[in-house]
Protein backbone atom coordinates (compact mmCIF):
# COMPACT_ATOMS: atom_id res chain seq x y z
CA MET A 1 -67.97 48.34 49.41
CA SER A 2 -69.99 47.44 46.33
CA ASN A 3 -67.21 48.78 44.09
CA MET A 4 -64.59 46.63 45.86
CA SER A 5 -66.81 43.57 45.62
CA ASN A 6 -67.21 44.11 41.87
CA ARG A 7 -63.42 44.21 41.49
CA THR A 8 -62.82 40.93 43.29
CA ALA A 9 -65.90 38.88 42.38
CA ASN A 10 -65.33 36.29 39.63
CA PRO A 11 -61.92 37.56 38.48
CA CYS A 12 -61.87 35.27 35.41
CA VAL A 13 -64.69 37.27 33.83
CA GLY A 14 -64.76 40.99 33.26
CA GLU A 15 -62.51 43.93 32.54
CA PRO A 16 -58.79 44.20 33.36
CA PRO A 17 -57.93 45.22 36.93
CA PHE A 18 -57.05 48.72 38.01
CA ALA A 19 -53.37 49.65 38.19
CA ILE A 20 -53.32 49.69 42.00
CA ASP A 21 -54.91 46.21 42.15
CA ASN A 22 -52.37 44.95 39.65
CA ILE A 23 -49.47 46.22 41.78
CA ARG A 24 -50.87 44.88 45.06
CA ASN A 25 -51.30 41.36 43.64
CA GLN A 26 -47.68 41.03 42.46
CA ASP A 27 -45.42 38.57 44.24
CA LEU A 28 -41.61 38.77 44.36
CA PHE A 29 -41.21 37.26 40.89
CA GLY A 30 -43.79 39.65 39.45
CA ILE A 31 -42.06 42.67 40.97
CA ILE A 32 -38.69 41.57 39.54
CA LEU A 33 -40.24 40.87 36.15
CA TYR A 34 -41.99 44.24 35.98
CA SER A 35 -38.82 46.02 37.10
CA VAL A 36 -36.62 44.33 34.48
CA LEU A 37 -39.11 44.97 31.67
CA THR A 38 -39.50 48.61 32.73
CA PHE A 39 -35.71 48.97 32.72
CA MET A 40 -35.59 47.53 29.16
CA ALA A 41 -38.28 49.93 27.96
CA THR A 42 -36.42 52.86 29.54
CA ILE A 43 -33.13 51.84 27.90
CA SER A 44 -34.90 51.53 24.53
CA LEU A 45 -36.26 55.05 24.88
CA LEU A 46 -32.88 56.49 25.95
CA VAL A 47 -31.09 54.76 23.07
CA PHE A 48 -33.63 56.25 20.67
CA LEU A 49 -33.17 59.75 22.08
CA GLU A 50 -29.39 59.42 21.80
CA GLU A 51 -29.83 58.23 18.22
CA CYS A 52 -32.01 61.24 17.45
CA VAL A 53 -29.19 63.55 18.60
CA TYR A 54 -26.72 61.69 16.39
CA ILE A 55 -29.04 61.82 13.37
CA TYR A 56 -29.72 65.52 13.91
CA LYS A 57 -25.97 66.29 13.89
CA LYS A 58 -24.63 63.85 11.29
CA VAL A 59 -27.38 63.12 8.76
CA PRO A 60 -28.27 65.33 5.76
CA ALA A 61 -31.38 67.45 6.20
CA ASN A 62 -33.48 65.58 3.65
CA LYS A 63 -33.06 62.30 5.56
CA LYS A 64 -33.33 63.40 9.19
CA SER A 65 -37.08 63.21 9.60
CA VAL A 66 -37.69 59.87 7.89
CA ILE A 67 -34.80 58.10 9.62
CA ILE A 68 -35.95 59.33 13.03
CA TRP A 69 -39.49 58.11 12.30
CA VAL A 70 -38.26 54.67 11.21
CA ASN A 71 -35.86 54.40 14.16
CA GLY A 72 -38.65 55.23 16.58
CA ALA A 73 -40.87 52.24 15.73
CA ALA A 74 -39.40 49.80 18.26
CA PRO A 75 -38.87 52.31 21.13
CA VAL A 76 -42.39 53.74 20.79
CA ILE A 77 -43.97 50.28 20.79
CA SER A 78 -41.82 49.29 23.77
CA THR A 79 -42.82 52.41 25.71
CA MET A 80 -46.52 51.96 24.96
CA SER A 81 -46.31 48.29 25.96
CA CYS A 82 -44.68 49.26 29.27
CA ILE A 83 -47.53 51.69 29.99
CA GLY A 84 -50.07 49.02 29.12
CA MET A 85 -48.29 46.53 31.38
CA TRP A 86 -48.53 48.82 34.41
CA ILE A 87 -52.03 50.13 33.59
CA PRO A 88 -53.99 47.16 32.18
CA LYS A 89 -57.12 49.20 31.51
CA ALA A 90 -55.15 51.38 29.06
CA VAL A 91 -54.04 48.47 26.86
CA MET A 92 -56.50 49.28 24.08
CA ILE A 93 -55.31 52.90 23.91
CA THR A 94 -51.62 51.97 23.98
CA ASP A 95 -52.09 49.30 21.28
CA MET A 96 -53.91 51.77 19.06
CA THR A 97 -51.18 54.35 19.59
CA SER A 98 -48.47 51.86 18.62
CA ALA A 99 -50.42 50.69 15.57
CA THR A 100 -51.02 54.27 14.42
CA TYR A 101 -47.35 55.14 14.78
CA PHE A 102 -46.31 52.06 12.81
CA ALA A 103 -48.79 52.97 10.06
CA ILE A 104 -46.83 56.19 9.63
CA VAL A 105 -43.56 54.23 9.72
CA VAL A 106 -44.73 52.13 6.75
CA PHE A 107 -45.02 55.27 4.64
CA LYS A 108 -41.81 56.76 6.04
CA PHE A 109 -39.82 53.63 5.19
CA LEU A 110 -40.87 53.98 1.56
CA ILE A 111 -39.79 57.63 1.57
CA MET A 112 -36.50 56.68 3.26
CA MET A 113 -35.58 54.28 0.46
CA LEU A 114 -36.24 57.00 -2.11
CA GLU A 115 -34.21 59.55 -0.15
CA GLU A 116 -31.31 57.12 0.20
CA ILE A 117 -31.04 56.99 -3.57
CA GLY A 118 -31.22 60.77 -3.87
CA GLY A 119 -34.91 61.65 -3.94
CA ASP A 120 -37.70 61.30 -6.48
CA LYS A 121 -35.80 62.89 -9.38
CA ALA A 122 -32.73 60.74 -8.85
CA PHE A 123 -34.91 57.63 -8.55
CA LEU A 124 -36.72 58.38 -11.81
CA LYS A 125 -33.42 59.14 -13.55
CA ARG A 126 -31.80 55.90 -12.42
CA ALA A 127 -34.91 53.77 -12.99
CA SER A 128 -35.98 55.21 -16.35
CA LYS A 129 -34.43 52.24 -18.20
CA HIS A 130 -36.00 49.62 -15.94
CA LYS A 131 -39.45 48.38 -15.00
CA LEU A 132 -41.07 47.54 -11.68
CA LYS A 133 -41.91 43.99 -10.76
CA ILE A 134 -45.34 44.13 -9.12
CA SER A 135 -45.75 40.39 -8.50
CA THR A 136 -44.45 40.72 -4.93
CA GLY A 137 -45.92 40.18 -1.48
CA PRO A 138 -48.13 40.58 0.32
CA CYS A 139 -50.73 41.13 -2.42
CA CYS A 140 -49.50 39.49 -5.60
CA CYS A 141 -46.66 37.13 -4.66
CA CYS A 142 -48.69 34.25 -6.14
CA CYS A 143 -49.19 36.03 -9.50
CA PRO A 144 -45.86 35.80 -11.37
CA CYS A 145 -47.68 36.33 -14.68
CA LEU A 146 -48.34 39.99 -13.89
CA PRO A 147 -46.55 42.32 -16.34
CA HIS A 148 -43.77 44.65 -15.30
CA VAL A 149 -44.74 48.30 -15.02
CA ALA A 150 -42.83 51.24 -16.46
CA ILE A 151 -41.41 53.65 -13.89
CA THR A 152 -42.93 57.10 -14.35
CA ARG A 153 -43.94 59.99 -12.12
CA ARG A 154 -47.49 58.68 -12.13
CA THR A 155 -46.34 55.20 -11.03
CA LEU A 156 -44.24 56.68 -8.22
CA PHE A 157 -47.17 58.84 -7.09
CA LEU A 158 -49.47 55.79 -6.94
CA LEU A 159 -46.91 53.86 -4.90
CA LYS A 160 -46.64 56.71 -2.42
CA LEU A 161 -50.41 57.05 -2.26
CA GLY A 162 -50.80 53.35 -1.55
CA SER A 163 -48.71 53.68 1.62
CA PHE A 164 -49.91 57.12 2.64
CA GLN A 165 -53.56 56.05 2.69
CA PHE A 166 -52.80 53.62 5.52
CA ALA A 167 -51.10 56.31 7.63
CA LEU A 168 -54.08 58.63 7.19
CA LEU A 169 -56.96 56.17 7.45
CA LYS A 170 -55.43 54.30 10.39
CA LEU A 171 -55.38 57.55 12.36
CA ILE A 172 -59.01 58.23 11.40
CA PHE A 173 -60.17 54.76 12.40
CA THR A 174 -58.23 54.98 15.68
CA LEU A 175 -60.00 58.21 16.59
CA LEU A 176 -63.33 56.70 15.55
CA SER A 177 -62.70 53.61 17.71
CA ILE A 178 -61.85 55.74 20.76
CA ILE A 179 -65.00 57.83 20.27
CA LEU A 180 -67.14 54.69 20.00
CA TRP A 181 -65.35 53.17 23.02
CA THR A 182 -66.14 56.18 25.21
CA ASP A 183 -69.80 55.75 24.25
CA GLY A 184 -69.71 52.02 25.04
CA ASN A 185 -70.10 50.91 21.42
CA PHE A 186 -66.59 49.57 20.80
CA ASN A 187 -65.26 46.47 22.52
CA LEU A 188 -62.42 44.33 21.16
CA GLN A 189 -63.91 41.24 22.79
CA ASP A 190 -67.30 41.76 21.12
CA MET A 191 -67.10 39.70 17.92
CA SER A 192 -70.84 39.77 17.21
CA ILE A 193 -72.14 41.05 13.89
CA THR A 194 -73.52 44.15 15.59
CA GLY A 195 -70.19 45.08 17.21
CA ALA A 196 -68.05 47.84 15.74
CA ALA A 197 -64.78 45.92 16.15
CA ILE A 198 -65.83 43.15 13.75
CA TRP A 199 -66.23 45.76 11.00
CA ILE A 200 -63.35 48.14 11.70
CA ASN A 201 -60.55 45.64 12.32
CA PRO A 202 -60.88 43.62 9.06
CA PHE A 203 -61.05 46.83 7.05
CA VAL A 204 -57.88 48.09 8.73
CA GLY A 205 -56.26 44.74 7.92
CA ILE A 206 -57.04 45.22 4.22
CA LEU A 207 -55.58 48.72 4.32
CA THR A 208 -52.43 47.29 5.94
CA VAL A 209 -51.90 44.75 3.15
CA ILE A 210 -52.42 47.43 0.49
CA ALA A 211 -49.91 49.74 2.20
CA LEU A 212 -47.22 47.06 2.52
CA TRP A 213 -47.36 46.24 -1.19
CA PRO A 214 -45.75 49.48 -2.53
CA VAL A 215 -42.98 49.23 0.06
CA SER A 216 -42.22 45.70 -1.07
CA ILE A 217 -42.21 46.74 -4.75
CA ILE A 218 -39.73 49.58 -4.16
CA PHE A 219 -37.54 47.39 -1.95
CA MET A 220 -37.33 44.63 -4.57
CA HIS A 221 -36.29 47.22 -7.15
CA LEU A 222 -33.68 49.02 -5.00
CA ARG A 223 -32.27 46.21 -2.86
CA THR A 224 -29.22 45.77 -5.12
CA THR A 225 -28.55 49.49 -5.51
CA LEU A 226 -28.83 50.14 -1.77
CA ARG A 227 -27.03 47.00 -0.67
CA THR A 228 -24.03 49.02 0.53
CA LEU A 229 -26.37 51.00 2.80
CA LYS A 230 -27.53 47.78 4.51
CA ILE A 231 -31.05 48.14 3.17
CA ILE A 232 -31.72 44.39 3.41
CA PRO A 233 -31.19 44.10 7.21
CA LYS A 234 -33.04 47.40 7.67
CA TYR A 235 -36.00 45.99 5.74
CA ALA A 236 -35.76 42.78 7.79
CA MET A 237 -36.00 44.78 11.04
CA TYR A 238 -38.96 46.72 9.65
CA GLN A 239 -40.72 43.46 8.73
CA LEU A 240 -39.89 41.95 12.12
CA VAL A 241 -41.48 44.89 13.94
CA LEU A 242 -44.57 44.44 11.76
CA ILE A 243 -44.85 40.71 12.48
CA LEU A 244 -44.26 41.01 16.22
CA SER A 245 -46.44 44.06 16.85
CA GLN A 246 -49.34 43.07 14.60
CA LEU A 247 -49.41 39.34 13.84
CA GLN A 248 -48.04 38.06 17.15
CA THR A 249 -50.39 40.30 19.15
CA ALA A 250 -53.39 39.19 17.08
CA ILE A 251 -52.57 35.50 17.56
CA ILE A 252 -52.17 35.86 21.34
CA ASN A 253 -55.42 37.82 21.62
CA ILE A 254 -57.33 35.21 19.62
CA LEU A 255 -55.97 32.42 21.82
CA ALA A 256 -56.90 34.38 24.94
CA MET A 257 -60.47 35.09 23.80
CA SER A 258 -60.94 31.42 22.91
CA GLY A 259 -59.87 30.38 26.43
CA VAL A 260 -56.59 28.70 25.46
CA ILE A 261 -54.71 31.09 27.77
CA ALA A 262 -56.07 30.44 31.26
CA CYS A 263 -57.12 33.26 33.56
CA SER A 264 -54.92 34.28 36.48
CA PRO A 265 -56.62 36.49 39.08
CA PRO A 266 -56.96 39.41 38.92
CA PHE A 267 -56.65 38.95 35.13
CA SER A 268 -59.31 37.31 33.02
CA SER A 269 -58.25 35.23 30.02
CA PRO A 270 -58.40 38.14 27.51
CA ALA A 271 -56.72 40.52 29.97
CA ARG A 272 -53.93 38.02 30.65
CA GLY A 273 -53.46 37.55 26.92
CA TYR A 274 -53.05 41.30 26.50
CA MET A 275 -50.58 41.35 29.40
CA LEU A 276 -48.45 38.54 27.95
CA SER A 277 -48.42 40.34 24.61
CA GLN A 278 -47.20 43.59 26.21
CA GLN A 279 -44.43 41.83 28.13
CA LEU A 280 -43.18 39.98 25.04
CA LEU A 281 -43.19 43.17 22.99
CA ILE A 282 -41.03 45.01 25.53
CA LEU A 283 -38.34 42.32 25.36
CA GLU A 284 -38.50 41.98 21.57
CA MET A 285 -38.49 45.72 20.87
CA PHE A 286 -35.55 46.18 23.23
CA ILE A 287 -33.46 43.78 21.11
CA ILE A 288 -34.66 45.36 17.85
CA THR A 289 -33.79 48.84 19.15
CA LEU A 290 -30.18 47.81 19.77
CA VAL A 291 -29.86 46.14 16.36
CA THR A 292 -31.46 49.11 14.61
CA ARG A 293 -28.99 51.48 16.27
CA LEU A 294 -26.09 49.53 14.74
CA LEU A 295 -27.67 49.62 11.27
CA TYR A 296 -28.46 53.35 11.13
CA ARG A 297 -25.39 54.72 12.93
CA ARG A 298 -23.09 55.23 9.94
CA GLN A 299 -21.66 57.84 7.60
CA TYR A 300 -24.29 58.96 5.09
CA ASP A 301 -22.27 59.39 1.87
CA PRO A 302 -23.92 59.82 -1.54
CA LEU A 303 -24.35 56.74 -3.70
CA PRO A 304 -21.98 56.22 -6.64
CA GLU A 305 -23.26 56.71 -10.15
CA GLU A 306 -25.05 53.76 -11.70
CA GLU A 307 -22.85 51.61 -13.93
CA PRO A 308 -24.06 50.92 -17.49
CA ASP A 309 -25.71 47.63 -18.22
CA ASP A 310 -24.00 44.77 -20.04
CA ASN A 311 -25.94 45.54 -23.21
CA GLU A 312 -24.68 49.13 -23.13
CA ASN A 313 -21.08 47.97 -22.61
CA LYS A 314 -21.35 45.60 -25.57
CA MET A 315 -22.80 48.35 -27.75
CA ILE A 316 -20.03 50.79 -26.81
CA THR A 317 -17.31 48.19 -27.45
CA LEU A 318 -18.77 47.14 -30.81
CA THR A 319 -19.16 50.74 -31.97
CA SER A 320 -15.57 51.56 -30.98
CA ARG A 321 -14.21 48.54 -32.83
CA ARG A 322 -16.09 49.46 -35.98
CA PHE A 323 -14.90 53.06 -35.79
CA VAL A 324 -11.25 52.06 -35.39
CA SER A 325 -11.50 49.65 -38.31
CA THR A 326 -12.84 52.45 -40.50
CA VAL A 327 -10.03 54.84 -39.51
CA ASP A 328 -7.26 52.28 -40.12
CA GLY A 329 -8.69 51.34 -43.49
CA GLY A 330 -9.01 47.73 -42.41
CA ASN A 331 -11.44 45.26 -43.84
CA VAL A 332 -14.82 45.12 -42.23
CA ASP A 333 -16.74 41.90 -41.91
CA ALA A 334 -20.07 41.49 -43.52
CA GLU A 335 -21.85 41.66 -40.19
CA ASP A 336 -20.05 44.94 -39.36
CA ARG A 337 -20.87 46.75 -42.61
CA HIS A 338 -22.74 50.00 -42.38
CA GLY A 339 -24.31 52.44 -44.74
CA PRO A 340 -22.67 55.79 -45.49
CA ALA A 341 -25.24 57.70 -43.48
CA GLU A 342 -24.16 56.02 -40.25
CA PHE A 343 -20.64 57.43 -40.37
CA LEU A 344 -21.36 60.86 -41.86
CA PRO A 345 -21.04 62.67 -38.49
CA SER A 346 -17.53 61.23 -37.98
CA LEU A 347 -16.09 61.93 -41.48
CA PRO A 348 -14.35 65.25 -40.56
CA ALA A 349 -12.51 63.56 -37.71
CA VAL A 350 -11.40 60.72 -40.00
CA LYS A 351 -10.05 63.12 -42.59
CA MET A 352 -8.01 65.00 -39.99
CA ILE A 353 -6.46 61.78 -38.72
CA MET A 354 -5.50 60.60 -42.21
CA MET A 355 -3.92 63.99 -43.03
């Protein structure tokens, strides 16, 4: 009896309700809403599984893993949100699982862009004549004075490391948060200076910004080369998943903890905020899953060879004109005059033509 009284007393304050209490308190509209959202989450998962079969059969071996990881971002978040919607007490675990998966997706998206161009060696070969623009978001978009960086193996390794650290450290901090939560020392609603959440969450936010920077740098460098592979809408979907799963959820949770979102028994204000966030994510990820399927379901042909720059074309044309003028015995302008040493390698060919 005391346990039941604790569940029902003052529903606007306290922890989220149990799953059975959540189901019993649903009216007709709530049942329809939960059923439709569950159907959307199920369709998202089935579409992802069908896409995995297609990728496994049609995609080259070096791209299978990364494309499956990137494709799974929206379905995994949708599935975790559906579980959190039905089991409100598991919202923290499901949110952490989704965030950890997306941390890996950030790194995998960087690798996918490199694999689309042919791998690390092909990227370094194509980009050896260019430099990277590092004054991009989210770190340095307000610093256009930053110099461009030469593309070397060391630079590529640092870019990969910048994204990989988020995938690794996010998993470590997730496990640490769960361990502290089981001991009663981690609570997302505890924003006091002595709470663990106030220290872990900002640090994870800094790691997120650092990890997104290398992806943005590589995208800005390859967006023209990979335009035929629809890299721009793919990057837009990746950014949209980031904004909806991270920024939107954080804003709703802040509004709920500040009391802007009113309580609705058996949900307190924070619990109702979490519930609204899960329901929105299911709908949004369902749409993103369908769009992503259209973008990645294609023939994966190799990229054409890179065309020479304008400067190279001008140099080739000018050299050819000078060579022809020399063979024909024509007059050469003052600006086209050359020393004897420049044409020494071509003298045998000239003699043969004149004979």
